[in-house]
């Protein structure tokens, strides 16, 4: 994942990530692309497209999250927006809910790797 492009896009929405958050999102991207070859998680897998249409779009709503202690992402699919938000807000307990077990297995792998 092109971190420079990612950082440029995040600056447009006034979001700054720590090195750990950047590394976690990069690892998430790598796992997403790897697993997407085995099962259809998302149609969007190109580097810049994932940055803008998945990560930046998810993080764009951070201004709406104030004093929450728990958040549930119903119908999370491949983990959007829940996983990027959980990486951004490690102090908040996130629950990612989906009806397909294969997606939940993928997300469990992401959590284990991060």
C-alpha atoms as a PDB file:
ATOM      1  CA  UNK A   1       0.000   0.000   0.000  1.00  0.00           C
ATOM      2  CA  UNK A   2       1.340   3.416  -0.914  1.00  0.00           C
ATOM      3  CA  UNK A   3       1.615   5.091   2.496  1.00  0.00           C
ATOM      4  CA  UNK A   4       2.501   8.493   1.022  1.00  0.00           C
ATOM      5  CA  UNK A   5      -0.716   8.559  -1.015  1.00  0.00           C
ATOM      6  CA  UNK A   6      -2.637   7.349   2.017  1.00  0.00           C
ATOM      7  CA  UNK A   7      -1.210  10.099   4.223  1.00  0.00           C
ATOM      8  CA  UNK A   8      -2.003  12.703   1.530  1.00  0.00           C
ATOM      9  CA  UNK A   9      -5.624  11.550   1.371  1.00  0.00           C
ATOM     10  CA  UNK A  10      -5.926  11.518   5.173  1.00  0.00           C
ATOM     11  CA  UNK A  11      -4.650  15.099   5.362  1.00  0.00           C
ATOM     12  CA  UNK A  12      -7.595  16.148   3.190  1.00  0.00           C
ATOM     13  CA  UNK A  13      -9.950  15.025   5.978  1.00  0.00           C
ATOM     14  CA  UNK A  14      -7.705  16.172   8.846  1.00  0.00           C
ATOM     15  CA  UNK A  15      -6.815  12.680  10.057  1.00  0.00           C
ATOM     16  CA  UNK A  16      -3.352  11.804  11.305  1.00  0.00           C
ATOM     17  CA  UNK A  17      -2.373   8.222  12.120  1.00  0.00           C
ATOM     18  CA  UNK A  18       0.368   6.845  14.318  1.00  0.00           C
ATOM     19  CA  UNK A  19       3.026   4.579  12.834  1.00  0.00           C
ATOM     20  CA  UNK A  20       1.304   1.593  14.448  1.00  0.00           C
ATOM     21  CA  UNK A  21      -2.060   2.541  12.943  1.00  0.00           C
ATOM     22  CA  UNK A  22      -0.461   2.901   9.502  1.00  0.00           C
ATOM     23  CA  UNK A  23       1.239  -0.496   9.864  1.00  0.00           C
ATOM     24  CA  UNK A  24      -2.006  -2.114  11.023  1.00  0.00           C
ATOM     25  CA  UNK A  25      -3.969  -0.693   8.095  1.00  0.00           C
ATOM     26  CA  UNK A  26      -1.238  -1.794   5.693  1.00  0.00           C
ATOM     27  CA  UNK A  27      -1.360  -5.334   7.141  1.00  0.00           C
ATOM     28  CA  UNK A  28      -5.164  -5.274   6.868  1.00  0.00           C
ATOM     29  CA  UNK A  29      -4.831  -4.264   3.211  1.00  0.00           C
ATOM     30  CA  UNK A  30      -2.358  -7.094   2.547  1.00  0.00           C
ATOM     31  CA  UNK A  31      -4.664  -9.657   4.164  1.00  0.00           C
ATOM     32  CA  UNK A  32      -7.670  -8.271   2.288  1.00  0.00           C
ATOM     33  CA  UNK A  33      -5.931  -8.690  -1.074  1.00  0.00           C
ATOM     34  CA  UNK A  34      -4.571 -12.140  -0.142  1.00  0.00           C
ATOM     35  CA  UNK A  35      -7.908 -13.491   1.083  1.00  0.00           C
ATOM     36  CA  UNK A  36      -9.826 -11.840  -1.749  1.00  0.00           C
ATOM     37  CA  UNK A  37      -8.019 -14.189  -4.159  1.00  0.00           C
ATOM     38  CA  UNK A  38      -9.628 -17.167  -2.347  1.00  0.00           C
ATOM     39  CA  UNK A  39     -13.058 -15.669  -1.646  1.00  0.00           C
ATOM     40  CA  UNK A  40     -14.913 -12.608  -2.851  1.00  0.00           C
ATOM     41  CA  UNK A  41     -14.630 -10.093  -0.013  1.00  0.00           C
ATOM     42  CA  UNK A  42     -14.644  -6.906  -2.078  1.00  0.00           C
ATOM     43  CA  UNK A  43     -14.567  -5.808  -5.707  1.00  0.00           C
ATOM     44  CA  UNK A  44     -12.172  -3.022  -4.729  1.00  0.00           C
ATOM     45  CA  UNK A  45      -8.601  -4.317  -4.351  1.00  0.00           C
ATOM     46  CA  UNK A  46      -6.394  -1.833  -6.215  1.00  0.00           C
ATOM     47  CA  UNK A  47      -4.057   0.077  -3.908  1.00  0.00           C
ATOM     48  CA  UNK A  48      -5.357   3.606  -4.442  1.00  0.00           C
ATOM     49  CA  UNK A  49      -8.989   2.486  -4.668  1.00  0.00           C
ATOM     50  CA  UNK A  50      -8.769   0.701  -1.298  1.00  0.00           C
ATOM     51  CA  UNK A  51      -7.103   3.755   0.239  1.00  0.00           C
ATOM     52  CA  UNK A  52      -9.805   6.154  -0.933  1.00  0.00           C
ATOM     53  CA  UNK A  53     -12.964   4.044  -1.142  1.00  0.00           C
ATOM     54  CA  UNK A  54     -12.418   1.890   1.927  1.00  0.00           C
ATOM     55  CA  UNK A  55      -9.968   3.384   4.412  1.00  0.00           C
ATOM     56  CA  UNK A  56     -10.441   7.127   3.919  1.00  0.00           C
ATOM     57  CA  UNK A  57     -14.211   6.783   3.508  1.00  0.00           C
ATOM     58  CA  UNK A  58     -14.400   4.819   6.779  1.00  0.00           C
ATOM     59  CA  UNK A  59     -12.209   7.251   8.683  1.00  0.00           C
ATOM     60  CA  UNK A  60     -14.094  10.238   7.340  1.00  0.00           C
ATOM     61  CA  UNK A  61     -16.843   9.668   9.917  1.00  0.00           C
ATOM     62  CA  UNK A  62     -14.538   9.925  12.951  1.00  0.00           C
ATOM     63  CA  UNK A  63     -15.955  13.342  13.808  1.00  0.00           C
ATOM     64  CA  UNK A  64     -19.291  11.625  14.540  1.00  0.00           C
ATOM     65  CA  UNK A  65     -17.788   9.364  17.216  1.00  0.00           C
ATOM     66  CA  UNK A  66     -17.574  11.165  20.533  1.00  0.00           C
ATOM     67  CA  UNK A  67     -17.650   9.347  23.883  1.00  0.00           C
ATOM     68  CA  UNK A  68     -18.608   5.855  22.754  1.00  0.00           C
ATOM     69  CA  UNK A  69     -17.278   2.874  24.686  1.00  0.00           C
ATOM     70  CA  UNK A  70     -18.771   0.200  22.403  1.00  0.00           C
ATOM     71  CA  UNK A  71     -19.727   0.241  18.729  1.00  0.00           C
ATOM     72  CA  UNK A  72     -21.274  -2.485  16.575  1.00  0.00           C
ATOM     73  CA  UNK A  73     -20.841  -2.643  12.810  1.00  0.00           C
ATOM     74  CA  UNK A  74     -23.851  -4.591  11.516  1.00  0.00           C
ATOM     75  CA  UNK A  75     -23.316  -6.139   8.090  1.00  0.00           C
ATOM     76  CA  UNK A  76     -19.603  -5.410   8.179  1.00  0.00           C
ATOM     77  CA  UNK A  77     -18.712  -7.505   5.144  1.00  0.00           C
ATOM     78  CA  UNK A  78     -14.919  -7.385   4.839  1.00  0.00           C
ATOM     79  CA  UNK A  79     -14.764  -5.131   7.902  1.00  0.00           C
ATOM     80  CA  UNK A  80     -15.855  -1.753   6.601  1.00  0.00           C
ATOM     81  CA  UNK A  81     -16.174   0.617   8.381  1.00  0.00           C
ATOM     82  CA  UNK A  82     -15.607  -1.272  11.650  1.00  0.00           C
ATOM     83  CA  UNK A  83     -12.031  -2.472  11.210  1.00  0.00           C
ATOM     84  CA  UNK A  84     -10.449   0.852  10.134  1.00  0.00           C
ATOM     85  CA  UNK A  85     -12.370   2.594  12.923  1.00  0.00           C
ATOM     86  CA  UNK A  86     -11.235  -0.018  15.462  1.00  0.00           C
ATOM     87  CA  UNK A  87      -7.640   0.589  14.380  1.00  0.00           C
ATOM     88  CA  UNK A  88      -8.150   4.342  14.721  1.00  0.00           C
ATOM     89  CA  UNK A  89      -9.936   4.038  18.094  1.00  0.00           C
ATOM     90  CA  UNK A  90      -8.159   1.240  20.010  1.00  0.00           C
ATOM     91  CA  UNK A  91      -9.832   2.385  23.250  1.00  0.00           C
ATOM     92  CA  UNK A  92     -13.329   1.596  21.906  1.00  0.00           C
ATOM     93  CA  UNK A  93     -14.677  -1.973  21.905  1.00  0.00           C
ATOM     94  CA  UNK A  94     -15.863  -2.811  18.378  1.00  0.00           C
ATOM     95  CA  UNK A  95     -18.115  -5.722  17.440  1.00  0.00           C
ATOM     96  CA  UNK A  96     -18.185  -6.648  13.752  1.00  0.00           C
ATOM     97  CA  UNK A  97     -21.308  -8.577  12.783  1.00  0.00           C
ATOM     98  CA  UNK A  98     -21.940 -10.323   9.478  1.00  0.00           C
ATOM     99  CA  UNK A  99     -24.187 -13.111   8.228  1.00  0.00           C
ATOM    100  CA  UNK A 100     -21.477 -14.991   6.324  1.00  0.00           C
ATOM    101  CA  UNK A 101     -19.093 -17.115   8.347  1.00  0.00           C
ATOM    102  CA  UNK A 102     -16.326 -16.858   5.716  1.00  0.00           C
ATOM    103  CA  UNK A 103     -16.151 -13.097   6.283  1.00  0.00           C
ATOM    104  CA  UNK A 104     -16.015 -13.578  10.042  1.00  0.00           C
ATOM    105  CA  UNK A 105     -13.163 -16.086   9.641  1.00  0.00           C
ATOM    106  CA  UNK A 106     -11.302 -13.502   7.557  1.00  0.00           C
ATOM    107  CA  UNK A 107     -11.881 -10.788  10.168  1.00  0.00           C
ATOM    108  CA  UNK A 108     -10.764 -13.088  12.972  1.00  0.00           C
ATOM    109  CA  UNK A 109      -7.529 -13.643  11.024  1.00  0.00           C
ATOM    110  CA  UNK A 110      -7.072  -9.873  10.660  1.00  0.00           C
ATOM    111  CA  UNK A 111      -7.557  -9.347  14.400  1.00  0.00           C
ATOM    112  CA  UNK A 112      -5.099 -12.166  15.185  1.00  0.00           C
ATOM    113  CA  UNK A 113      -2.466 -10.729  12.832  1.00  0.00           C
ATOM    114  CA  UNK A 114      -2.815  -7.200  14.198  1.00  0.00           C
END
